[in-house]
Amino acid sequence: MAYTIEQLTALEAALAKGEKRVSFGDKTVEYRSVQELKEAMRAVERGLAEQAAATGLVPPPARQVRVTTGKGF
């Protein structure tokens, strides 16, 4: 599912206010607990990160090359 920054912002605002009901445009979701709301936030954050990686907006992690030398004895 494609997530948006606005959905994450709405979830964060609801958590900050202590509410369990969140509205996204014309849809309203009521979560059973704060823990469930936090899990939804993690799912949206994870989805946004996957979308960014898939589109190439996030660069790949840096590679490290380590070279060791010796005298050959």
N, C-alpha and C. Protein backbone atom coordinates (compact mmCIF):
# COMPACT_ATOMS: atom_id res chain seq x y z
N MET A 1 0.84 -1.17 0.00
CA MET A 1 0.00 0.00 0.00
C MET A 1 0.88 1.23 0.00
N ALA A 2 0.49 2.23 -0.75
CA ALA A 2 1.25 3.47 -0.82
C ALA A 2 0.82 4.39 0.32
N TYR A 3 1.78 4.79 1.11
CA TYR A 3 1.52 5.70 2.22
C TYR A 3 1.97 7.10 1.86
N THR A 4 1.44 8.09 2.59
CA THR A 4 1.82 9.47 2.35
C THR A 4 2.31 10.09 3.66
N ILE A 5 3.04 11.18 3.51
CA ILE A 5 3.53 11.92 4.67
C ILE A 5 2.35 12.47 5.48
N GLU A 6 1.27 12.84 4.80
CA GLU A 6 0.10 13.38 5.49
C GLU A 6 -0.51 12.35 6.43
N GLN A 7 -0.50 11.07 6.04
CA GLN A 7 -1.01 10.02 6.90
C GLN A 7 -0.15 9.88 8.15
N LEU A 8 1.16 9.93 7.97
CA LEU A 8 2.06 9.85 9.12
C LEU A 8 1.88 11.04 10.03
N THR A 9 1.73 12.23 9.46
CA THR A 9 1.53 13.43 10.25
C THR A 9 0.23 13.34 11.05
N ALA A 10 -0.84 12.83 10.45
CA ALA A 10 -2.11 12.68 11.15
C ALA A 10 -1.99 11.69 12.31
N LEU A 11 -1.26 10.60 12.10
CA LEU A 11 -1.05 9.63 13.17
C LEU A 11 -0.24 10.24 14.31
N GLU A 12 0.80 10.99 13.98
CA GLU A 12 1.63 11.63 15.01
C GLU A 12 0.83 12.66 15.78
N ALA A 13 -0.02 13.43 15.09
CA ALA A 13 -0.84 14.44 15.76
C ALA A 13 -1.84 13.78 16.71
N ALA A 14 -2.45 12.68 16.30
CA ALA A 14 -3.39 11.98 17.16
C ALA A 14 -2.69 11.44 18.40
N LEU A 15 -1.49 10.90 18.22
CA LEU A 15 -0.74 10.39 19.36
C LEU A 15 -0.37 11.52 20.31
N ALA A 16 0.03 12.66 19.79
CA ALA A 16 0.41 13.79 20.63
C ALA A 16 -0.79 14.32 21.42
N LYS A 17 -1.97 14.25 20.84
CA LYS A 17 -3.18 14.73 21.52
C LYS A 17 -3.78 13.68 22.45
N GLY A 18 -3.32 12.45 22.34
CA GLY A 18 -3.86 11.38 23.15
C GLY A 18 -5.15 10.80 22.59
N GLU A 19 -5.41 11.04 21.32
CA GLU A 19 -6.62 10.54 20.67
C GLU A 19 -6.35 9.17 20.05
N LYS A 20 -7.42 8.42 19.86
CA LYS A 20 -7.30 7.13 19.20
C LYS A 20 -8.00 7.13 17.85
N ARG A 21 -8.63 8.24 17.50
CA ARG A 21 -9.35 8.35 16.22
C ARG A 21 -8.55 9.25 15.28
N VAL A 22 -8.31 8.74 14.07
CA VAL A 22 -7.52 9.45 13.07
C VAL A 22 -8.32 9.54 11.78
N SER A 23 -8.29 10.73 11.15
CA SER A 23 -8.99 10.91 9.88
C SER A 23 -7.99 11.18 8.77
N PHE A 24 -8.14 10.45 7.66
CA PHE A 24 -7.34 10.64 6.46
C PHE A 24 -8.31 11.01 5.34
N GLY A 25 -8.43 12.27 5.04
CA GLY A 25 -9.35 12.67 3.98
C GLY A 25 -10.79 12.35 4.38
N ASP A 26 -11.44 11.43 3.66
CA ASP A 26 -12.82 11.07 3.95
C ASP A 26 -12.95 9.80 4.80
N LYS A 27 -11.83 9.22 5.23
CA LYS A 27 -11.85 7.99 6.02
C LYS A 27 -11.45 8.29 7.46
N THR A 28 -12.09 7.59 8.38
CA THR A 28 -11.78 7.73 9.80
C THR A 28 -11.49 6.35 10.37
N VAL A 29 -10.42 6.25 11.12
CA VAL A 29 -10.02 4.99 11.76
C VAL A 29 -9.93 5.22 13.25
N GLU A 30 -10.52 4.32 14.02
CA GLU A 30 -10.41 4.41 15.47
C GLU A 30 -9.61 3.20 15.96
N TYR A 31 -8.49 3.45 16.61
CA TYR A 31 -7.62 2.41 17.11
C TYR A 31 -8.05 2.01 18.51
N ARG A 32 -7.82 0.75 18.86
CA ARG A 32 -8.25 0.23 20.16
C ARG A 32 -7.36 0.72 21.30
N SER A 33 -6.07 0.92 21.00
CA SER A 33 -5.15 1.32 22.05
C SER A 33 -4.05 2.20 21.47
N VAL A 34 -3.31 2.81 22.35
CA VAL A 34 -2.18 3.64 21.93
C VAL A 34 -1.12 2.77 21.29
N GLN A 35 -0.95 1.56 21.79
CA GLN A 35 0.02 0.62 21.22
C GLN A 35 -0.32 0.31 19.77
N GLU A 36 -1.59 0.11 19.49
CA GLU A 36 -2.02 -0.16 18.11
C GLU A 36 -1.77 1.05 17.22
N LEU A 37 -1.95 2.25 17.76
CA LEU A 37 -1.66 3.48 17.02
C LEU A 37 -0.17 3.59 16.71
N LYS A 38 0.68 3.25 17.68
CA LYS A 38 2.12 3.27 17.46
C LYS A 38 2.54 2.24 16.41
N GLU A 39 1.91 1.07 16.42
CA GLU A 39 2.21 0.05 15.41
C GLU A 39 1.83 0.54 14.02
N ALA A 40 0.72 1.25 13.92
CA ALA A 40 0.31 1.82 12.64
C ALA A 40 1.33 2.85 12.17
N MET A 41 1.85 3.64 13.09
CA MET A 41 2.88 4.64 12.74
C MET A 41 4.13 3.94 12.21
N ARG A 42 4.55 2.87 12.87
CA ARG A 42 5.74 2.13 12.42
C ARG A 42 5.50 1.53 11.04
N ALA A 43 4.29 1.04 10.80
CA ALA A 43 3.98 0.46 9.49
C ALA A 43 4.04 1.53 8.40
N VAL A 44 3.52 2.71 8.69
CA VAL A 44 3.56 3.80 7.70
C VAL A 44 5.00 4.24 7.47
N GLU A 45 5.78 4.38 8.54
CA GLU A 45 7.20 4.77 8.39
C GLU A 45 7.96 3.74 7.57
N ARG A 46 7.72 2.46 7.84
CA ARG A 46 8.38 1.40 7.10
C ARG A 46 7.97 1.43 5.63
N GLY A 47 6.69 1.66 5.37
CA GLY A 47 6.20 1.76 4.00
C GLY A 47 6.80 2.94 3.26
N LEU A 48 6.91 4.08 3.93
CA LEU A 48 7.52 5.26 3.30
C LEU A 48 8.99 5.00 2.99
N ALA A 49 9.69 4.32 3.89
CA ALA A 49 11.11 4.01 3.65
C ALA A 49 11.26 3.06 2.47
N GLU A 50 10.37 2.07 2.37
CA GLU A 50 10.43 1.14 1.24
C GLU A 50 10.13 1.84 -0.07
N GLN A 51 9.17 2.75 -0.05
CA GLN A 51 8.84 3.51 -1.25
C GLN A 51 10.02 4.37 -1.68
N ALA A 52 10.68 5.01 -0.72
CA ALA A 52 11.82 5.86 -1.04
C ALA A 52 12.97 5.03 -1.61
N ALA A 53 13.19 3.85 -1.05
CA ALA A 53 14.26 2.98 -1.55
C ALA A 53 13.94 2.46 -2.94
N ALA A 54 12.68 2.14 -3.19
CA ALA A 54 12.29 1.60 -4.48
C ALA A 54 12.39 2.64 -5.60
N THR A 55 12.17 3.90 -5.26
CA THR A 55 12.22 4.95 -6.27
C THR A 55 13.62 5.54 -6.41
N GLY A 56 14.54 5.15 -5.55
CA GLY A 56 15.90 5.66 -5.64
C GLY A 56 16.12 6.98 -4.94
N LEU A 57 15.17 7.40 -4.11
CA LEU A 57 15.32 8.67 -3.40
C LEU A 57 16.33 8.58 -2.27
N VAL A 58 16.55 7.37 -1.78
CA VAL A 58 17.50 7.15 -0.70
C VAL A 58 18.72 6.46 -1.29
N PRO A 59 19.90 7.03 -1.11
CA PRO A 59 21.08 6.37 -1.67
C PRO A 59 21.38 5.06 -0.95
N PRO A 60 22.01 4.12 -1.63
CA PRO A 60 22.37 2.86 -0.97
C PRO A 60 23.43 3.11 0.09
N PRO A 61 23.56 2.21 1.04
CA PRO A 61 24.57 2.39 2.08
C PRO A 61 25.98 2.40 1.48
N ALA A 62 26.87 3.13 2.12
CA ALA A 62 28.25 3.24 1.65
C ALA A 62 28.98 1.91 1.81
N ARG A 63 29.81 1.59 0.84
CA ARG A 63 30.61 0.37 0.92
C ARG A 63 31.96 0.72 1.53
N GLN A 64 32.50 -0.22 2.26
CA GLN A 64 33.81 -0.04 2.85
C GLN A 64 34.74 -1.11 2.30
N VAL A 65 35.93 -0.67 1.93
CA VAL A 65 36.96 -1.60 1.46
C VAL A 65 38.14 -1.44 2.41
N ARG A 66 38.56 -2.52 3.00
CA ARG A 66 39.68 -2.49 3.92
C ARG A 66 40.85 -3.23 3.31
N VAL A 67 41.98 -2.57 3.29
CA VAL A 67 43.17 -3.16 2.71
C VAL A 67 44.21 -3.32 3.81
N THR A 68 44.75 -4.52 3.92
CA THR A 68 45.82 -4.77 4.87
C THR A 68 47.03 -5.27 4.09
N THR A 69 48.17 -4.84 4.52
CA THR A 69 49.40 -5.27 3.85
C THR A 69 50.40 -5.79 4.87
N GLY A 70 51.34 -6.48 4.39
CA GLY A 70 52.40 -7.00 5.24
C GLY A 70 53.66 -7.20 4.41
N LYS A 71 54.74 -7.58 5.05
CA LYS A 71 56.00 -7.77 4.33
C LYS A 71 56.10 -9.15 3.71
N GLY A 72 55.20 -10.04 4.00
CA GLY A 72 55.22 -11.35 3.39
C GLY A 72 56.09 -12.37 4.10
N PHE A 73 56.47 -12.10 5.31
CA PHE A 73 57.31 -13.07 6.03
C PHE A 73 56.47 -14.12 6.65
